[in-house]
Amino acid sequence: MKVFISADMEGTAGITCWPETERDKPEYPEFQELMTAEVVAACEGALRAGATEIVIKDAHHTGRNLLVDRLPPQVRIIRDWAGHPHSMMFGIDGDCAAAIYTGYHDAAGTDSNPLAHSFNGKVMRLTINGALASEFTVNALTAASLGVPSAFLSGDSGICAAAAGLAPGIVTVPVSQGFGPATSSVTPVRAREMIREGVAAALSDLPSRSHPPLADQWEVEVEFATPRDAYRGSFFPGVDYPEPRRLRFIRSDWFEVLRTLRFMW
């Protein structure tokens, strides 16, 4: 069984502020260790459930966060950014039995994580077919477009609730909850236990997992922080510029949505 893991950082247990997630800050190494340990726990759960191959996309910031010598031998790790429209899901294919997400956070404009955002600080709000969309939304639909179910997610309480509403049967492990600039979190040791057990349970009953439904047409709106941020993307073919900070486009193919977003920001 081949499994894909998309590993983010802001939804890791204990993480509360931006310097803990940025490579050039003194706090970073401690939380880099915690991110890596949660990914290792996910791998251990997958292996317990029968995985023979695990593809991991290091999907936070530089794409060079995970301590690779800690990963099991069954892993193939993808680091840095290729520029491919699959982005945080780069490396997934139709041979994967399931997609797993660790360290995930809620969408820009939500309050369940002080670090909630959608892809970058320029995007204030992203909607797909009228519904608020997170990074998980986009990534789970990318997996779905390849026929891959989203089986497990760990992160803040908000993204866990959103994921449960989007991907039927997904197993979620909420490890933290935001309160303004503060967080309430389980301990890293407990988070790893929950992730290990959750992934094993999710993959041991794959028929109960599913993926978000794929629409016949995708209407996407992106609200940027400033008109300056939106202006460049307004020149991409088929993109409307209805307001100074807002772009809108319609596509019938999911990969074309990803292609447009890739060049929009």
Protein backbone atom coordinates (compact mmCIF):
# COMPACT_ATOMS: atom_id res chain seq x y z
CA MET A 1 0.00 0.00 0.00
CA LYS A 2 1.34 3.39 -1.06
CA VAL A 3 0.44 6.39 1.10
CA PHE A 4 0.97 10.11 0.53
CA ILE A 5 1.59 12.58 3.37
CA SER A 6 1.38 16.36 3.01
CA ALA A 7 3.20 17.83 6.01
CA ASP A 8 2.52 21.40 7.11
CA MET A 9 3.68 23.04 10.34
CA GLU A 10 1.34 25.67 11.78
CA GLY A 11 -1.06 23.00 13.06
CA THR A 12 1.63 21.14 15.00
CA ALA A 13 0.94 20.69 18.72
CA GLY A 14 2.47 23.52 20.73
CA ILE A 15 3.07 25.97 17.91
CA THR A 16 1.62 29.39 18.65
CA CYS A 17 3.48 32.20 16.85
CA TRP A 18 5.19 32.81 13.51
CA PRO A 19 8.83 32.80 14.72
CA GLU A 20 8.37 29.17 15.79
CA THR A 21 7.77 28.28 12.12
CA GLU A 22 10.45 30.38 10.40
CA ARG A 23 13.89 28.95 9.64
CA ASP A 24 15.82 32.12 10.44
CA LYS A 25 14.37 32.53 13.94
CA PRO A 26 16.03 31.11 17.08
CA GLU A 27 12.83 29.36 18.18
CA TYR A 28 12.55 27.34 14.97
CA PRO A 29 14.76 24.27 15.68
CA GLU A 30 12.68 23.22 18.70
CA PHE A 31 9.47 23.26 16.68
CA GLN A 32 11.13 21.75 13.61
CA GLU A 33 11.78 18.75 15.85
CA LEU A 34 8.11 18.65 16.87
CA MET A 35 6.90 18.86 13.27
CA THR A 36 9.23 16.03 12.29
CA ALA A 37 8.12 13.89 15.23
CA GLU A 38 4.46 14.21 14.25
CA VAL A 39 5.27 13.15 10.69
CA VAL A 40 7.25 10.18 12.00
CA ALA A 41 4.25 9.21 14.15
CA ALA A 42 2.03 9.33 11.05
CA CYS A 43 4.51 7.10 9.22
CA GLU A 44 4.53 4.64 12.11
CA GLY A 45 0.74 4.47 12.04
CA ALA A 46 0.74 3.94 8.28
CA LEU A 47 3.31 1.16 8.51
CA ARG A 48 1.31 -0.51 11.27
CA ALA A 49 -1.70 -0.51 8.93
CA GLY A 50 0.28 -2.18 6.14
CA ALA A 51 1.83 0.66 4.14
CA THR A 52 4.86 -0.44 2.15
CA GLU A 53 5.67 2.91 0.54
CA ILE A 54 5.21 6.43 1.92
CA VAL A 55 5.68 9.59 -0.14
CA ILE A 56 6.02 12.76 1.93
CA LYS A 57 5.80 16.32 0.62
CA ASP A 58 7.45 18.75 3.01
CA ALA A 59 4.77 21.38 2.48
CA HIS A 60 5.66 24.22 4.84
CA HIS A 61 7.28 27.51 3.81
CA THR A 62 10.68 26.61 2.30
CA GLY A 63 9.74 22.96 1.83
CA ARG A 64 12.93 22.12 3.74
CA ASN A 65 11.81 21.57 7.31
CA LEU A 66 11.68 17.86 8.09
CA LEU A 67 14.76 16.26 9.63
CA VAL A 68 15.16 13.61 6.99
CA ASP A 69 17.40 11.26 8.97
CA ARG A 70 14.51 10.68 11.40
CA LEU A 71 12.21 9.27 8.70
CA PRO A 72 11.61 5.52 8.25
CA PRO A 73 13.34 3.70 5.37
CA GLN A 74 10.03 3.19 3.54
CA VAL A 75 9.78 6.95 2.95
CA ARG A 76 10.54 8.97 -0.15
CA ILE A 77 10.75 12.66 0.78
CA ILE A 78 10.05 15.59 -1.56
CA ARG A 79 11.73 18.81 -0.44
CA ASP A 80 11.56 22.40 -1.72
CA TRP A 81 9.11 23.54 -4.41
CA ALA A 82 9.07 22.28 -7.99
CA GLY A 83 6.65 24.94 -9.23
CA HIS A 84 4.11 22.27 -10.17
CA PRO A 85 0.44 23.24 -9.72
CA HIS A 86 -0.03 20.38 -7.24
CA SER A 87 2.08 22.45 -4.84
CA MET A 88 1.59 21.01 -1.32
CA MET A 89 0.46 17.74 -2.91
CA PHE A 90 3.34 17.40 -5.35
CA GLY A 91 4.25 13.73 -5.64
CA ILE A 92 0.77 12.30 -5.21
CA ASP A 93 -0.55 10.04 -7.97
CA GLY A 94 -3.39 7.65 -8.63
CA ASP A 95 -1.42 4.73 -7.21
CA CYS A 96 -1.73 6.17 -3.70
CA ALA A 97 -4.27 4.39 -1.53
CA ALA A 98 -4.82 7.43 0.67
CA ALA A 99 -3.74 10.98 1.45
CA ILE A 100 -2.73 12.03 4.97
CA TYR A 101 -2.29 15.59 6.24
CA THR A 102 -0.25 16.58 9.31
CA GLY A 103 0.27 19.96 10.96
CA TYR A 104 -2.63 21.56 9.07
CA HIS A 105 -4.32 24.85 9.99
CA ASP A 106 -7.60 26.56 9.28
CA ALA A 107 -8.31 29.04 6.48
CA ALA A 108 -7.50 32.74 6.36
CA GLY A 109 -10.10 34.74 8.25
CA THR A 110 -10.90 32.03 10.81
CA ASP A 111 -10.10 32.14 14.51
CA SER A 112 -9.19 28.57 15.49
CA ASN A 113 -5.46 29.17 15.03
CA PRO A 114 -3.46 32.41 15.47
CA LEU A 115 -1.52 31.39 12.36
CA ALA A 116 -4.57 30.66 10.18
CA HIS A 117 -3.93 31.61 6.56
CA SER A 118 -4.50 30.39 3.03
CA PHE A 119 -1.27 29.71 1.15
CA ASN A 120 0.33 33.09 1.82
CA GLY A 121 -0.19 36.36 3.63
CA LYS A 122 -1.55 38.08 0.53
CA VAL A 123 -4.77 36.04 0.46
CA MET A 124 -7.47 37.28 2.84
CA ARG A 125 -10.22 34.94 1.67
CA LEU A 126 -10.54 32.10 -0.82
CA THR A 127 -13.90 30.65 -1.85
CA ILE A 128 -14.68 27.75 -4.15
CA ASN A 129 -18.24 27.46 -5.45
CA GLY A 130 -19.32 29.93 -2.79
CA ALA A 131 -17.81 28.09 0.19
CA LEU A 132 -14.82 29.21 2.25
CA ALA A 133 -11.79 27.18 1.17
CA SER A 134 -8.65 26.31 3.12
CA GLU A 135 -5.38 24.80 2.00
CA PHE A 136 -6.89 21.44 2.95
CA THR A 137 -9.89 22.11 0.70
CA VAL A 138 -7.65 22.66 -2.31
CA ASN A 139 -5.37 19.76 -1.45
CA ALA A 140 -8.16 17.28 -0.75
CA LEU A 141 -9.78 18.18 -4.08
CA THR A 142 -6.42 17.65 -5.76
CA ALA A 143 -6.26 14.17 -4.25
CA ALA A 144 -9.88 13.57 -5.26
CA SER A 145 -9.13 14.53 -8.86
CA LEU A 146 -6.72 11.57 -8.91
CA GLY A 147 -9.18 9.24 -7.20
CA VAL A 148 -7.31 9.29 -3.88
CA PRO A 149 -9.35 9.49 -0.65
CA SER A 150 -8.35 11.79 2.19
CA ALA A 151 -8.03 9.44 5.15
CA PHE A 152 -6.50 11.41 8.02
CA LEU A 153 -5.76 14.96 9.16
CA SER A 154 -4.15 16.43 12.26
CA GLY A 155 -4.04 20.11 13.14
CA ASP A 156 -6.08 22.78 14.87
CA SER A 157 -9.67 22.21 15.92
CA GLY A 158 -11.05 24.43 13.18
CA ILE A 159 -9.46 22.62 10.26
CA CYS A 160 -10.39 19.27 11.78
CA ALA A 161 -14.04 20.30 11.87
CA ALA A 162 -13.86 21.69 8.34
CA ALA A 163 -12.19 18.52 7.05
CA ALA A 164 -14.84 16.31 8.60
CA GLY A 165 -17.50 18.29 6.76
CA LEU A 166 -15.68 18.12 3.44
CA ALA A 167 -14.26 14.58 3.22
CA PRO A 168 -16.69 11.88 4.38
CA GLY A 169 -15.16 9.40 6.82
CA ILE A 170 -11.87 11.24 7.35
CA VAL A 171 -10.23 10.59 10.73
CA THR A 172 -9.16 13.83 12.40
CA VAL A 173 -6.94 14.55 15.40
CA PRO A 174 -7.30 18.08 16.79
CA VAL A 175 -4.13 18.90 18.71
CA SER A 176 -4.68 22.61 19.39
CA GLN A 177 -7.24 25.40 19.57
CA GLY A 178 -6.70 29.11 19.13
CA PHE A 179 -7.86 31.95 21.37
CA GLY A 180 -6.84 35.20 19.75
CA PRO A 181 -3.02 35.13 19.76
CA ALA A 182 -2.92 32.20 22.22
CA THR A 183 -3.31 28.44 21.82
CA SER A 184 -4.41 25.58 24.02
CA SER A 185 -2.65 22.39 22.96
CA VAL A 186 -2.16 18.79 23.98
CA THR A 187 1.43 17.87 24.77
CA PRO A 188 3.66 16.81 21.88
CA VAL A 189 3.91 13.30 23.34
CA ARG A 190 0.13 12.96 23.45
CA ALA A 191 -0.22 14.43 19.96
CA ARG A 192 2.13 11.81 18.56
CA GLU A 193 0.20 9.01 20.26
CA MET A 194 -3.07 10.29 18.82
CA ILE A 195 -1.62 10.72 15.33
CA ARG A 196 -0.04 7.26 15.33
CA GLU A 197 -3.29 5.63 16.45
CA GLY A 198 -5.45 7.78 14.17
CA VAL A 199 -3.48 7.05 11.01
CA ALA A 200 -3.44 3.32 11.75
CA ALA A 201 -7.21 3.33 12.26
CA ALA A 202 -7.84 5.41 9.14
CA LEU A 203 -5.80 3.17 6.86
CA SER A 204 -7.09 -0.06 8.39
CA ASP A 205 -10.60 0.73 7.14
CA LEU A 206 -10.08 2.48 3.81
CA PRO A 207 -13.56 1.64 2.45
CA SER A 208 -14.92 4.06 5.08
CA ARG A 209 -12.77 6.91 3.75
CA SER A 210 -13.76 9.03 0.79
CA HIS A 211 -12.93 12.25 -0.96
CA PRO A 212 -14.79 15.51 -1.52
CA PRO A 213 -17.23 15.43 -4.44
CA LEU A 214 -15.90 16.85 -7.68
CA ALA A 215 -18.06 19.51 -9.29
CA ASP A 216 -18.74 19.91 -13.01
CA GLN A 217 -17.66 23.53 -12.76
CA TRP A 218 -15.49 25.51 -10.33
CA GLU A 219 -16.12 29.16 -9.53
CA VAL A 220 -13.18 30.53 -7.56
CA GLU A 221 -12.87 33.92 -5.87
CA VAL A 222 -9.70 35.22 -4.25
CA GLU A 223 -9.74 38.31 -2.06
CA PHE A 224 -6.29 39.81 -1.62
CA ALA A 225 -4.97 42.09 1.11
CA THR A 226 -4.32 44.96 -1.29
CA PRO A 227 -5.20 45.94 -4.87
CA ARG A 228 -1.50 45.69 -5.64
CA ASP A 229 -1.55 41.99 -4.78
CA ALA A 230 -4.54 41.35 -7.04
CA TYR A 231 -3.44 43.39 -10.05
CA ARG A 232 -0.86 40.97 -11.43
CA GLY A 233 -3.22 38.00 -11.36
CA SER A 234 -5.90 39.95 -13.20
CA PHE A 235 -3.98 39.49 -16.46
CA PHE A 236 -4.14 35.68 -16.42
CA PRO A 237 -6.48 34.40 -19.18
CA GLY A 238 -10.06 34.02 -18.06
CA VAL A 239 -9.65 35.89 -14.77
CA ASP A 240 -12.14 38.66 -13.92
CA TYR A 241 -11.22 41.68 -11.80
CA PRO A 242 -14.61 42.76 -10.35
CA GLU A 243 -13.20 44.79 -7.46
CA PRO A 244 -9.77 46.25 -6.64
CA ARG A 245 -8.83 43.42 -4.26
CA ARG A 246 -10.85 40.57 -5.74
CA LEU A 247 -10.28 38.17 -8.62
CA ARG A 248 -12.73 35.60 -9.95
CA PHE A 249 -12.53 32.80 -12.50
CA ILE A 250 -14.49 29.76 -13.62
CA ARG A 251 -12.97 26.47 -14.77
CA SER A 252 -14.44 23.09 -15.67
CA ASP A 253 -11.27 21.10 -14.93
CA TRP A 254 -9.70 20.98 -11.46
CA PHE A 255 -6.14 21.00 -12.74
CA GLU A 256 -6.92 24.25 -14.57
CA VAL A 257 -8.04 25.72 -11.24
CA LEU A 258 -4.66 24.76 -9.80
CA ARG A 259 -2.81 26.13 -12.81
CA THR A 260 -4.60 29.48 -12.48
CA LEU A 261 -3.95 29.72 -8.74
CA ARG A 262 -0.30 28.84 -9.31
CA PHE A 263 0.18 31.91 -11.50
CA MET A 264 -2.18 34.14 -9.53
CA TRP A 265 0.09 34.34 -6.49
